[in-house]
Amino acid sequence: MNNHFVWNIDPSIFTIGGFGPRWYSVLFACAFIASFYLVQYIFKRENKPVETIDSLLIYMVLGTVIGARLGHVFFYDPGYYLSHPLEIVMVWKGGLASHGAGIGILTATYLFCKKHNFNFLWSVDRLVIPIALSGAFIRLGNFFNSEILGIPSSAPWAVIFSRIDMVPRHPVQLYESFCYAIIFIALFFIYRKNTYKPRPGLLFGTFLVLVFSVRLTLEAFKSKQASFEPAMALSMGQWLSLPFLMVGIFFIVRAIKSK
């Protein structure tokens, strides 16, 4: 056990009077700042109105937070939250689900496109690029919080999250963060190569297939996050990934067949 890396970083960067910034919050903010500049680059490159980016960012933030919270509430512990409805809005207590965030982002994008007269597929094809990068930042935040823990492991790279227990575990948050960073690079490369030969939905479909293939695989290395999961053949995260994966395949096939 002594040969494994021990992770004991405080989730708070510093505290004053019991309050202070948390690493997760800072990385979450970095995700949206990076997204803002990426979207600004794309809009300028394709002569889109950059003055709409501020509005888009607001839609994305609200869609992410509301969707992620409601996803956690209804996918992982509906009984508890329906009995304690006031706690649904207590985001600071933790509990965000990335699948819910995905639904929230798609809904927010649709509403933004409807208001500002943007093409929905054009928009999601571009937005998945910063979203992949944001996922890398957010999973790093989970690592700093010692949450979404991996299953016990004897691998030499296993990590002991001493704030939780002294069991060496797969650093699955880092696995996921690295995968999302690679997906971001791949999507950006495809975008650069296909901007003037558009196949609507290709980037969106590729994003869904890559991200949720990663989720299907890495969920097997995560500890169960809900009390009912041990009785399931697949984890809740894996079941929720399957529809996204199917939608991604559909859009890739559709894009390849399009002229």
Protein backbone atom coordinates (compact mmCIF):
# COMPACT_ATOMS: atom_id res chain seq x y z
CA MET A 1 0.00 0.00 0.00
CA ASN A 2 2.87 2.34 0.78
CA ASN A 3 3.97 2.12 -2.85
CA HIS A 4 0.80 3.82 -4.09
CA PHE A 5 0.35 7.53 -4.57
CA VAL A 6 -1.64 9.11 -1.74
CA TRP A 7 -4.02 11.92 -2.74
CA ASN A 8 -5.01 14.10 0.21
CA ILE A 9 -5.50 17.55 -1.32
CA ASP A 10 -8.16 19.69 0.37
CA PRO A 11 -11.00 20.44 -2.10
CA SER A 12 -10.84 24.08 -0.97
CA ILE A 13 -7.91 26.12 -2.25
CA PHE A 14 -8.07 28.22 0.93
CA THR A 15 -10.75 29.19 3.44
CA ILE A 16 -11.58 32.45 5.18
CA GLY A 17 -14.25 32.28 7.83
CA GLY A 18 -15.29 28.82 6.71
CA PHE A 19 -15.67 29.86 3.07
CA GLY A 20 -13.29 29.79 0.14
CA PRO A 21 -12.88 28.83 -3.52
CA ARG A 22 -12.81 25.14 -4.37
CA TRP A 23 -10.64 23.50 -6.99
CA TYR A 24 -13.74 22.05 -8.65
CA SER A 25 -15.33 25.50 -8.97
CA VAL A 26 -12.15 26.98 -10.44
CA LEU A 27 -11.81 24.17 -12.99
CA PHE A 28 -15.52 24.47 -13.83
CA ALA A 29 -14.99 28.18 -14.48
CA CYS A 30 -11.88 27.42 -16.57
CA ALA A 31 -13.99 25.09 -18.69
CA PHE A 32 -16.42 27.87 -19.56
CA ILE A 33 -13.69 30.47 -20.12
CA ALA A 34 -11.89 28.10 -22.52
CA SER A 35 -15.22 27.37 -24.20
CA PHE A 36 -15.90 31.07 -24.65
CA TYR A 37 -12.64 31.66 -26.51
CA LEU A 38 -13.06 28.51 -28.62
CA VAL A 39 -16.56 29.55 -29.68
CA GLN A 40 -15.31 33.07 -30.37
CA TYR A 41 -12.62 31.62 -32.64
CA ILE A 42 -15.20 29.50 -34.50
CA PHE A 43 -17.67 32.37 -34.90
CA LYS A 44 -15.02 34.73 -36.24
CA ARG A 45 -13.67 32.05 -38.59
CA GLU A 46 -17.13 31.44 -40.04
CA ASN A 47 -18.38 35.04 -39.97
CA LYS A 48 -21.05 34.47 -37.36
CA PRO A 49 -22.24 37.31 -35.09
CA VAL A 50 -19.85 37.28 -32.12
CA GLU A 51 -22.22 39.49 -30.12
CA THR A 52 -24.44 36.44 -29.60
CA ILE A 53 -21.70 34.50 -27.78
CA ASP A 54 -22.48 36.05 -24.40
CA SER A 55 -26.09 34.91 -24.74
CA LEU A 56 -24.95 31.46 -25.86
CA LEU A 57 -22.66 31.15 -22.84
CA ILE A 58 -25.55 31.96 -20.48
CA TYR A 59 -27.70 29.32 -22.16
CA MET A 60 -24.88 26.78 -21.87
CA VAL A 61 -24.19 27.48 -18.19
CA LEU A 62 -27.86 27.23 -17.26
CA GLY A 63 -28.40 24.15 -19.42
CA THR A 64 -25.36 22.42 -17.92
CA VAL A 65 -26.12 23.14 -14.26
CA ILE A 66 -29.89 22.61 -14.40
CA GLY A 67 -29.61 19.51 -16.58
CA ALA A 68 -26.82 17.97 -14.49
CA ARG A 69 -28.70 18.58 -11.25
CA LEU A 70 -32.03 17.22 -12.50
CA GLY A 71 -30.19 14.28 -14.03
CA HIS A 72 -28.72 13.39 -10.64
CA VAL A 73 -32.08 13.87 -8.94
CA PHE A 74 -34.14 11.71 -11.29
CA PHE A 75 -31.55 9.18 -12.49
CA TYR A 76 -29.78 8.34 -9.24
CA ASP A 77 -31.95 9.16 -6.20
CA PRO A 78 -35.50 10.22 -7.15
CA GLY A 79 -37.06 8.79 -3.99
CA TYR A 80 -34.93 10.90 -1.67
CA TYR A 81 -35.33 14.15 -3.60
CA LEU A 82 -39.06 13.76 -4.11
CA SER A 83 -39.29 13.41 -0.33
CA HIS A 84 -36.99 16.42 0.19
CA PRO A 85 -37.87 18.69 -2.78
CA LEU A 86 -36.15 21.77 -1.33
CA GLU A 87 -32.80 19.97 -1.60
CA ILE A 88 -33.15 19.75 -5.38
CA VAL A 89 -31.91 23.36 -5.67
CA MET A 90 -29.04 22.83 -3.20
CA VAL A 91 -26.42 22.26 -5.88
CA TRP A 92 -23.64 23.21 -3.47
CA LYS A 93 -24.26 19.97 -1.55
CA GLY A 94 -23.07 18.01 -4.60
CA GLY A 95 -24.80 15.75 -7.03
CA LEU A 96 -24.44 16.47 -10.75
CA ALA A 97 -24.94 13.90 -13.52
CA SER A 98 -23.14 14.34 -16.83
CA HIS A 99 -25.90 12.57 -18.79
CA GLY A 100 -28.38 15.10 -17.43
CA ALA A 101 -25.94 17.85 -18.40
CA GLY A 102 -25.94 16.49 -21.96
CA ILE A 103 -29.72 16.68 -22.17
CA GLY A 104 -29.66 20.15 -20.64
CA ILE A 105 -27.05 21.40 -23.10
CA LEU A 106 -28.99 20.08 -26.10
CA THR A 107 -32.17 21.71 -24.81
CA ALA A 108 -30.38 25.01 -24.17
CA THR A 109 -28.80 24.91 -27.63
CA TYR A 110 -32.20 24.35 -29.26
CA LEU A 111 -33.68 27.32 -27.37
CA PHE A 112 -30.70 29.51 -28.30
CA CYS A 113 -30.95 28.55 -31.97
CA LYS A 114 -34.66 29.23 -32.01
CA LYS A 115 -34.20 32.69 -30.50
CA HIS A 116 -31.20 33.77 -32.59
CA ASN A 117 -32.12 31.99 -35.84
CA PHE A 118 -29.16 29.59 -35.88
CA ASN A 119 -29.18 26.17 -37.51
CA PHE A 120 -29.32 23.56 -34.76
CA LEU A 121 -27.05 20.98 -36.40
CA TRP A 122 -24.53 23.65 -37.37
CA SER A 123 -24.47 24.77 -33.75
CA VAL A 124 -24.08 21.38 -32.06
CA ASP A 125 -21.40 20.37 -34.58
CA ARG A 126 -19.32 23.30 -33.31
CA LEU A 127 -20.29 23.27 -29.64
CA VAL A 128 -19.19 19.67 -29.07
CA ILE A 129 -15.58 20.84 -29.50
CA PRO A 130 -15.50 23.04 -26.37
CA ILE A 131 -17.82 20.62 -24.57
CA ALA A 132 -15.23 17.84 -24.90
CA LEU A 133 -12.54 20.14 -23.50
CA SER A 134 -14.88 21.17 -20.67
CA GLY A 135 -15.37 17.53 -19.78
CA ALA A 136 -11.60 17.16 -19.32
CA PHE A 137 -11.55 20.13 -16.92
CA ILE A 138 -14.56 18.92 -14.94
CA ARG A 139 -13.22 15.41 -14.42
CA LEU A 140 -10.03 16.97 -13.06
CA GLY A 141 -12.29 18.81 -10.64
CA ASN A 142 -13.80 15.48 -9.58
CA PHE A 143 -10.26 14.21 -8.92
CA PHE A 144 -9.54 17.21 -6.67
CA ASN A 145 -12.82 16.55 -4.84
CA SER A 146 -11.96 12.85 -4.34
CA GLU A 147 -15.31 11.90 -5.88
CA ILE A 148 -16.52 9.48 -8.59
CA LEU A 149 -14.05 6.97 -7.20
CA GLY A 150 -12.68 4.01 -9.07
CA ILE A 151 -12.86 0.42 -7.90
CA PRO A 152 -9.99 -0.99 -5.79
CA SER A 153 -6.88 -1.83 -7.78
CA SER A 154 -3.39 -3.22 -7.22
CA ALA A 155 -2.04 -1.47 -10.33
CA PRO A 156 1.14 0.53 -9.68
CA TRP A 157 -0.63 3.72 -10.78
CA ALA A 158 -3.55 3.21 -8.37
CA VAL A 159 -4.28 6.16 -6.09
CA ILE A 160 -5.22 6.22 -2.41
CA PHE A 161 -7.84 8.93 -1.76
CA SER A 162 -7.00 9.33 1.92
CA ARG A 163 -9.90 11.72 2.54
CA ILE A 164 -12.20 8.77 1.77
CA ASP A 165 -10.29 5.63 2.79
CA MET A 166 -6.87 4.00 2.48
CA VAL A 167 -7.79 1.69 -0.42
CA PRO A 168 -5.75 1.97 -3.66
CA ARG A 169 -8.18 2.67 -6.50
CA HIS A 170 -8.22 3.27 -10.23
CA PRO A 171 -7.90 7.06 -10.78
CA VAL A 172 -10.86 6.81 -13.14
CA GLN A 173 -11.39 10.58 -13.08
CA LEU A 174 -7.97 11.01 -14.69
CA TYR A 175 -8.67 8.26 -17.23
CA GLU A 176 -11.83 10.07 -18.27
CA SER A 177 -10.21 13.51 -18.30
CA PHE A 178 -7.41 12.26 -20.56
CA CYS A 179 -9.88 10.59 -22.94
CA TYR A 180 -11.95 13.78 -23.23
CA ALA A 181 -8.81 15.81 -23.96
CA ILE A 182 -7.93 13.40 -26.80
CA ILE A 183 -11.50 13.58 -28.12
CA PHE A 184 -11.27 17.38 -28.08
CA ILE A 185 -8.10 17.27 -30.18
CA ALA A 186 -9.70 14.80 -32.62
CA LEU A 187 -12.86 16.90 -33.01
CA PHE A 188 -10.90 20.10 -33.53
CA PHE A 189 -8.81 18.38 -36.21
CA ILE A 190 -11.94 17.11 -38.00
CA TYR A 191 -13.48 20.57 -37.77
CA ARG A 192 -10.44 22.19 -39.34
CA LYS A 193 -10.50 19.69 -42.20
CA ASN A 194 -14.24 19.84 -42.91
CA THR A 195 -15.28 23.46 -42.40
CA TYR A 196 -15.70 24.13 -46.13
CA LYS A 197 -16.99 20.66 -46.97
CA PRO A 198 -19.71 20.40 -44.36
CA ARG A 199 -21.45 17.16 -43.52
CA PRO A 200 -24.09 18.29 -41.00
CA GLY A 201 -24.14 16.18 -37.86
CA LEU A 202 -20.75 14.50 -38.42
CA LEU A 203 -18.96 16.21 -35.55
CA PHE A 204 -21.98 15.85 -33.29
CA GLY A 205 -22.29 12.14 -34.03
CA THR A 206 -18.55 11.55 -33.67
CA PHE A 207 -18.60 13.31 -30.30
CA LEU A 208 -21.48 11.18 -29.03
CA VAL A 209 -19.93 7.90 -30.19
CA LEU A 210 -16.47 8.67 -28.77
CA VAL A 211 -17.58 10.17 -25.46
CA PHE A 212 -20.18 7.56 -24.65
CA SER A 213 -17.96 4.69 -25.76
CA VAL A 214 -15.51 6.00 -23.19
CA ARG A 215 -18.29 6.19 -20.60
CA LEU A 216 -19.45 2.64 -21.34
CA THR A 217 -15.89 1.37 -20.89
CA LEU A 218 -14.79 3.39 -17.87
CA GLU A 219 -18.02 2.90 -15.91
CA ALA A 220 -16.75 -0.65 -15.33
CA PHE A 221 -13.86 0.85 -13.34
CA LYS A 222 -16.04 3.10 -11.18
CA SER A 223 -17.50 2.34 -7.79
CA LYS A 224 -21.28 2.12 -7.73
CA GLN A 225 -22.85 5.56 -7.35
CA ALA A 226 -26.39 4.51 -6.41
CA SER A 227 -27.70 1.96 -3.90
CA PHE A 228 -29.72 0.10 -6.54
CA GLU A 229 -26.83 -0.38 -9.00
CA PRO A 230 -25.33 -3.63 -7.58
CA ALA A 231 -28.46 -5.50 -8.72
CA MET A 232 -28.13 -4.19 -12.30
CA ALA A 233 -26.29 -5.92 -15.14
CA LEU A 234 -24.97 -2.54 -16.24
CA SER A 235 -24.45 0.56 -14.12
CA MET A 236 -26.86 3.47 -14.43
CA GLY A 237 -24.14 5.41 -16.26
CA GLN A 238 -23.80 2.62 -18.83
CA TRP A 239 -27.56 2.33 -19.39
CA LEU A 240 -27.80 6.10 -19.87
CA SER A 241 -24.89 6.05 -22.32
CA LEU A 242 -26.52 3.58 -24.71
CA PRO A 243 -29.18 5.96 -26.15
CA PHE A 244 -26.56 8.68 -26.69
CA LEU A 245 -24.33 6.16 -28.44
CA MET A 246 -27.16 5.06 -30.75
CA VAL A 247 -27.99 8.67 -31.61
CA GLY A 248 -24.32 9.29 -32.41
CA ILE A 249 -24.17 6.32 -34.80
CA PHE A 250 -27.32 7.58 -36.51
CA PHE A 251 -25.86 11.04 -37.12
CA ILE A 252 -22.54 9.66 -38.41
CA VAL A 253 -24.31 7.40 -40.90
CA ARG A 254 -26.60 10.26 -41.90
CA ALA A 255 -23.65 12.60 -42.41
CA ILE A 256 -21.69 10.07 -44.48
CA LYS A 257 -24.69 9.48 -46.75
CA SER A 258 -25.40 13.20 -47.18
CA LYS A 259 -24.15 14.92 -50.31
